[in-house]
Amino acid sequence: MDLSLSTRTVDDRTVVEVGGEIDVYTALKLREQLVELVNDGNYHLVVDMEGVDFLDSTGLGVLVGGLKRVRAHEGSLRLVCNQERILKIFRITGLTKVFPIHTSVEDAVAATD
């Protein structure tokens, strides 16, 4: 399966809607999108993963890299996910302590944590 990406602005956040699989074959596409957004001055990102069917360690690495990029600019990267199979990956890796994970884009945009 391929990876689909689209972006939109909600309040002062840039929302990246991701669909498909984030794996060793598609993660570069997501990485390039995140790098481009940060380079364009978008430092408060919300990655909407509701359409993600699969996530592997390469995808996790891309998300961590994106977080490091926005933090270098005093920014934030929040995730939107309520799919148990994807959330389990974040719990197992301990990344629930690193990423704020929300159940909706609205919650992620409104959050101040």
C-alpha atoms as a PDB file:
ATOM      1  CA  MET A   1       0.000   0.000   0.000  1.00  0.00           C
ATOM      2  CA  ASP A   2       1.062   3.555  -0.640  1.00  0.00           C
ATOM      3  CA  LEU A   3       1.116   6.559   1.646  1.00  0.00           C
ATOM      4  CA  SER A   4      -1.195   9.535   1.188  1.00  0.00           C
ATOM      5  CA  LEU A   5      -0.417  12.941   2.674  1.00  0.00           C
ATOM      6  CA  SER A   6      -2.348  16.172   2.781  1.00  0.00           C
ATOM      7  CA  THR A   7      -1.957  19.303   4.862  1.00  0.00           C
ATOM      8  CA  ARG A   8      -4.305  21.974   6.109  1.00  0.00           C
ATOM      9  CA  THR A   9      -4.204  24.727   8.687  1.00  0.00           C
ATOM     10  CA  VAL A  10      -6.452  24.715  11.747  1.00  0.00           C
ATOM     11  CA  ASP A  11      -6.012  27.809  13.922  1.00  0.00           C
ATOM     12  CA  ASP A  12      -2.225  28.152  14.314  1.00  0.00           C
ATOM     13  CA  ARG A  13      -1.473  24.453  13.722  1.00  0.00           C
ATOM     14  CA  THR A  14      -0.535  22.668  10.530  1.00  0.00           C
ATOM     15  CA  VAL A  15      -2.405  19.369  10.303  1.00  0.00           C
ATOM     16  CA  VAL A  16      -0.783  16.578   8.285  1.00  0.00           C
ATOM     17  CA  GLU A  17      -3.334  13.919   7.400  1.00  0.00           C
ATOM     18  CA  VAL A  18      -1.624  10.590   6.800  1.00  0.00           C
ATOM     19  CA  GLY A  19      -3.223   7.556   5.195  1.00  0.00           C
ATOM     20  CA  GLY A  20      -1.954   4.097   4.336  1.00  0.00           C
ATOM     21  CA  GLU A  21       1.223   2.529   5.614  1.00  0.00           C
ATOM     22  CA  ILE A  22       4.202   4.278   7.191  1.00  0.00           C
ATOM     23  CA  ASP A  23       7.003   1.805   6.662  1.00  0.00           C
ATOM     24  CA  VAL A  24      10.502   1.443   5.276  1.00  0.00           C
ATOM     25  CA  TYR A  25       9.164   2.002   1.743  1.00  0.00           C
ATOM     26  CA  THR A  26       6.997   5.069   2.387  1.00  0.00           C
ATOM     27  CA  ALA A  27       8.521   6.789   5.426  1.00  0.00           C
ATOM     28  CA  LEU A  28      10.797   8.974   3.281  1.00  0.00           C
ATOM     29  CA  LYS A  29       7.720  10.660   1.793  1.00  0.00           C
ATOM     30  CA  LEU A  30       6.466  11.589   5.283  1.00  0.00           C
ATOM     31  CA  ARG A  31       9.938  12.718   6.347  1.00  0.00           C
ATOM     32  CA  GLU A  32      10.234  14.999   3.311  1.00  0.00           C
ATOM     33  CA  GLN A  33       6.811  16.503   4.071  1.00  0.00           C
ATOM     34  CA  LEU A  34       7.716  17.204   7.713  1.00  0.00           C
ATOM     35  CA  VAL A  35      11.100  18.702   6.762  1.00  0.00           C
ATOM     36  CA  GLU A  36       9.467  20.926   4.148  1.00  0.00           C
ATOM     37  CA  LEU A  37       6.833  22.148   6.613  1.00  0.00           C
ATOM     38  CA  VAL A  38       9.433  23.021   9.256  1.00  0.00           C
ATOM     39  CA  ASN A  39      11.679  24.686   6.670  1.00  0.00           C
ATOM     40  CA  ASP A  40       8.669  26.801   5.653  1.00  0.00           C
ATOM     41  CA  GLY A  41       8.218  27.978   9.250  1.00  0.00           C
ATOM     42  CA  ASN A  42       5.472  25.602  10.424  1.00  0.00           C
ATOM     43  CA  TYR A  43       6.613  24.675  13.933  1.00  0.00           C
ATOM     44  CA  HIS A  44       3.333  23.488  15.467  1.00  0.00           C
ATOM     45  CA  LEU A  45       2.308  20.288  13.735  1.00  0.00           C
ATOM     46  CA  VAL A  46      -0.518  17.829  14.259  1.00  0.00           C
ATOM     47  CA  VAL A  47      -0.047  14.471  12.535  1.00  0.00           C
ATOM     48  CA  ASP A  48      -3.470  12.909  11.993  1.00  0.00           C
ATOM     49  CA  MET A  49      -2.852   9.161  11.852  1.00  0.00           C
ATOM     50  CA  GLU A  50      -6.495   8.054  11.762  1.00  0.00           C
ATOM     51  CA  GLY A  51      -6.021   6.739   8.220  1.00  0.00           C
ATOM     52  CA  VAL A  52      -2.808   4.847   8.991  1.00  0.00           C
ATOM     53  CA  ASP A  53      -3.110   1.090   8.538  1.00  0.00           C
ATOM     54  CA  PHE A  54       0.443   0.139   9.502  1.00  0.00           C
ATOM     55  CA  LEU A  55       3.414   1.731  11.274  1.00  0.00           C
ATOM     56  CA  ASP A  56       6.895   0.248  11.621  1.00  0.00           C
ATOM     57  CA  SER A  57      10.122   1.340  13.301  1.00  0.00           C
ATOM     58  CA  THR A  58      11.149   3.420  10.291  1.00  0.00           C
ATOM     59  CA  GLY A  59       7.915   5.376  10.584  1.00  0.00           C
ATOM     60  CA  LEU A  60       8.473   5.856  14.310  1.00  0.00           C
ATOM     61  CA  GLY A  61      11.938   7.194  13.532  1.00  0.00           C
ATOM     62  CA  VAL A  62      10.488   9.722  11.099  1.00  0.00           C
ATOM     63  CA  LEU A  63       8.008  10.946  13.714  1.00  0.00           C
ATOM     64  CA  VAL A  64      10.760  11.264  16.333  1.00  0.00           C
ATOM     65  CA  GLY A  65      12.899  13.152  13.819  1.00  0.00           C
ATOM     66  CA  GLY A  66       9.991  15.485  13.104  1.00  0.00           C
ATOM     67  CA  LEU A  67       9.553  16.104  16.814  1.00  0.00           C
ATOM     68  CA  LYS A  68      13.242  17.003  17.164  1.00  0.00           C
ATOM     69  CA  ARG A  69      12.972  19.420  14.236  1.00  0.00           C
ATOM     70  CA  VAL A  70       9.995  21.343  15.626  1.00  0.00           C
ATOM     71  CA  ARG A  71      11.436  21.385  19.146  1.00  0.00           C
ATOM     72  CA  ALA A  72      14.573  23.040  17.761  1.00  0.00           C
ATOM     73  CA  HIS A  73      12.228  25.954  16.946  1.00  0.00           C
ATOM     74  CA  GLU A  74      10.308  25.816  20.251  1.00  0.00           C
ATOM     75  CA  GLY A  75       7.511  24.041  18.374  1.00  0.00           C
ATOM     76  CA  SER A  76       5.342  21.005  19.001  1.00  0.00           C
ATOM     77  CA  LEU A  77       4.285  17.825  17.241  1.00  0.00           C
ATOM     78  CA  ARG A  78       1.071  16.176  18.416  1.00  0.00           C
ATOM     79  CA  LEU A  79      -0.369  12.927  17.137  1.00  0.00           C
ATOM     80  CA  VAL A  80      -3.993  12.021  16.525  1.00  0.00           C
ATOM     81  CA  CYS A  81      -4.678   8.318  16.830  1.00  0.00           C
ATOM     82  CA  ASN A  82      -7.285   6.133  18.469  1.00  0.00           C
ATOM     83  CA  GLN A  83      -6.567   2.871  16.687  1.00  0.00           C
ATOM     84  CA  GLU A  84      -5.528   0.338  19.285  1.00  0.00           C
ATOM     85  CA  ARG A  85      -3.077  -1.514  17.046  1.00  0.00           C
ATOM     86  CA  ILE A  86      -1.149   1.712  16.342  1.00  0.00           C
ATOM     87  CA  LEU A  87      -1.381   2.993  19.938  1.00  0.00           C
ATOM     88  CA  LYS A  88       0.068  -0.316  21.141  1.00  0.00           C
ATOM     89  CA  ILE A  89       3.252   0.390  19.165  1.00  0.00           C
ATOM     90  CA  PHE A  90       3.652   3.739  20.937  1.00  0.00           C
ATOM     91  CA  ARG A  91       3.058   2.116  24.339  1.00  0.00           C
ATOM     92  CA  ILE A  92       5.503  -0.752  23.738  1.00  0.00           C
ATOM     93  CA  THR A  93       8.249   1.630  22.605  1.00  0.00           C
ATOM     94  CA  GLY A  94       7.630   4.092  25.434  1.00  0.00           C
ATOM     95  CA  LEU A  95       6.853   6.865  22.957  1.00  0.00           C
ATOM     96  CA  THR A  96       3.569   7.691  24.709  1.00  0.00           C
ATOM     97  CA  LYS A  97       5.832   9.576  27.121  1.00  0.00           C
ATOM     98  CA  VAL A  98       7.373  11.522  24.238  1.00  0.00           C
ATOM     99  CA  PHE A  99       4.392  12.349  22.031  1.00  0.00           C
ATOM    100  CA  PRO A 100       1.126  13.928  23.120  1.00  0.00           C
ATOM    101  CA  ILE A 101      -1.458  11.581  21.560  1.00  0.00           C
ATOM    102  CA  HIS A 102      -5.013  12.840  21.089  1.00  0.00           C
ATOM    103  CA  THR A 103      -8.242  11.211  19.914  1.00  0.00           C
ATOM    104  CA  SER A 104      -9.218  13.995  17.494  1.00  0.00           C
ATOM    105  CA  VAL A 105      -7.689  16.848  15.525  1.00  0.00           C
ATOM    106  CA  GLU A 106      -9.854  19.265  17.490  1.00  0.00           C
ATOM    107  CA  ASP A 107      -8.431  18.012  20.800  1.00  0.00           C
ATOM    108  CA  ALA A 108      -4.865  18.203  19.476  1.00  0.00           C
ATOM    109  CA  VAL A 109      -5.324  21.764  18.197  1.00  0.00           C
ATOM    110  CA  ALA A 110      -6.924  22.897  21.456  1.00  0.00           C
ATOM    111  CA  ALA A 111      -4.283  21.271  23.688  1.00  0.00           C
ATOM    112  CA  THR A 112      -1.698  23.414  25.385  1.00  0.00           C
ATOM    113  CA  ASP A 113       0.424  20.632  26.920  1.00  0.00           C
END
